[in-house]
Amino acid sequence: MLKGVALILAGLAIALSVGVVLRTRLPRVASLGLLVVSGVAVGAGALLEQEQASGVEWALTLISLGFMVPFQVRLIFGRLGRTAAPRSGKVVPD
């Protein structure tokens, strides 16, 4: 039981740290990789808290959260990667 909660909290901590602090400091690929890992950690933690999760539930949850967390962070916090905050002050379109 505690493993699931620990995974959920770790995944949330990774997603928030990437979204708030590391999003513009890391390369885009590293940011995406960390966000995928955080989504999978949250999904695995949630499934560990359930009594009986089937293999299909594991597969669908891990795959869908692996895709949705990077997308959600991109929507909420903005562009990923070092080009997200140009130093010249010039606005870079998406």
Protein backbone atom coordinates (compact mmCIF):
# COMPACT_ATOMS: atom_id res chain seq x y z
CA MET A 1 0.00 0.00 0.00
CA LEU A 2 2.70 2.50 0.94
CA LYS A 3 4.61 1.73 -2.26
CA GLY A 4 1.71 2.99 -4.33
CA VAL A 5 1.43 6.24 -2.43
CA ALA A 6 5.20 6.73 -2.59
CA LEU A 7 5.16 6.23 -6.38
CA ILE A 8 2.30 8.68 -6.81
CA LEU A 9 4.07 11.33 -4.72
CA ALA A 10 7.38 10.77 -6.51
CA GLY A 11 5.71 11.06 -9.91
CA LEU A 12 3.95 14.26 -8.89
CA ALA A 13 7.18 15.72 -7.54
CA ILE A 14 8.99 14.97 -10.80
CA ALA A 15 6.18 16.41 -12.95
CA LEU A 16 5.95 19.59 -10.89
CA SER A 17 9.70 20.13 -10.77
CA VAL A 18 9.99 19.68 -14.53
CA GLY A 19 6.95 21.86 -15.21
CA VAL A 20 7.88 24.71 -12.91
CA VAL A 21 11.68 24.76 -12.73
CA LEU A 22 13.42 22.46 -15.20
CA ARG A 23 11.18 22.97 -18.24
CA THR A 24 13.34 25.74 -19.73
CA ARG A 25 16.67 24.51 -18.38
CA LEU A 26 16.74 20.95 -19.74
CA PRO A 27 16.78 19.88 -23.37
CA ARG A 28 13.33 19.04 -24.75
CA VAL A 29 14.05 15.30 -24.94
CA ALA A 30 15.15 15.17 -21.31
CA SER A 31 12.05 17.08 -20.20
CA LEU A 32 9.78 14.75 -22.15
CA GLY A 33 11.55 11.69 -20.78
CA LEU A 34 11.18 12.83 -17.19
CA LEU A 35 7.51 13.64 -17.76
CA VAL A 36 6.85 10.21 -19.26
CA VAL A 37 8.56 8.59 -16.27
CA SER A 38 6.47 10.69 -13.89
CA GLY A 39 3.24 9.71 -15.64
CA VAL A 40 4.13 6.04 -15.53
CA ALA A 41 5.04 6.34 -11.84
CA VAL A 42 1.70 7.95 -10.99
CA GLY A 43 -0.19 5.30 -12.95
CA ALA A 44 1.75 2.42 -11.42
CA GLY A 45 1.23 3.86 -7.94
CA ALA A 46 -2.50 4.14 -8.51
CA LEU A 47 -2.69 0.56 -9.76
CA LEU A 48 -0.68 -0.73 -6.81
CA GLU A 49 -3.33 0.76 -4.53
CA GLN A 50 -6.08 -1.31 -6.16
CA GLU A 51 -7.00 -4.78 -4.96
CA GLN A 52 -7.05 -6.53 -8.33
CA ALA A 53 -5.86 -4.73 -11.45
CA SER A 54 -5.81 -6.73 -14.66
CA GLY A 55 -3.01 -6.76 -17.19
CA VAL A 56 -5.12 -4.73 -19.59
CA GLU A 57 -5.63 -2.06 -16.94
CA TRP A 58 -1.88 -1.93 -16.33
CA ALA A 59 -1.09 -1.60 -20.02
CA LEU A 60 -3.73 1.04 -20.74
CA THR A 61 -2.98 3.09 -17.64
CA LEU A 62 0.78 3.19 -18.09
CA ILE A 63 0.62 3.92 -21.81
CA SER A 64 -2.07 6.58 -21.52
CA LEU A 65 -0.44 8.41 -18.59
CA GLY A 66 2.92 8.20 -20.33
CA PHE A 67 1.38 10.18 -23.19
CA MET A 68 -0.99 12.44 -21.25
CA VAL A 69 1.34 13.85 -18.58
CA PRO A 70 3.80 15.49 -21.03
CA PHE A 71 0.87 16.86 -23.02
CA GLN A 72 -0.80 18.23 -19.89
CA VAL A 73 2.39 19.87 -18.61
CA ARG A 74 2.91 21.42 -22.03
CA LEU A 75 -0.63 22.85 -21.95
CA ILE A 76 -0.39 24.20 -18.41
CA PHE A 77 3.20 25.47 -18.17
CA GLY A 78 4.18 26.15 -21.80
CA ARG A 79 6.88 25.05 -24.20
CA LEU A 80 9.48 22.49 -23.24
CA GLY A 81 13.19 22.76 -23.85
CA ARG A 82 15.82 25.43 -23.80
CA THR A 83 14.08 27.42 -26.56
CA ALA A 84 11.03 27.93 -24.36
CA ALA A 85 12.28 31.21 -22.88
CA PRO A 86 14.24 33.24 -25.41
CA ARG A 87 16.68 35.66 -23.76
CA SER A 88 16.19 38.35 -26.36
CA GLY A 89 12.61 38.95 -25.25
CA LYS A 90 11.38 38.14 -28.74
CA VAL A 91 8.19 36.11 -28.82
CA VAL A 92 8.66 32.75 -30.53
CA PRO A 93 5.40 31.36 -31.98
CA ASP A 94 4.42 27.76 -31.26
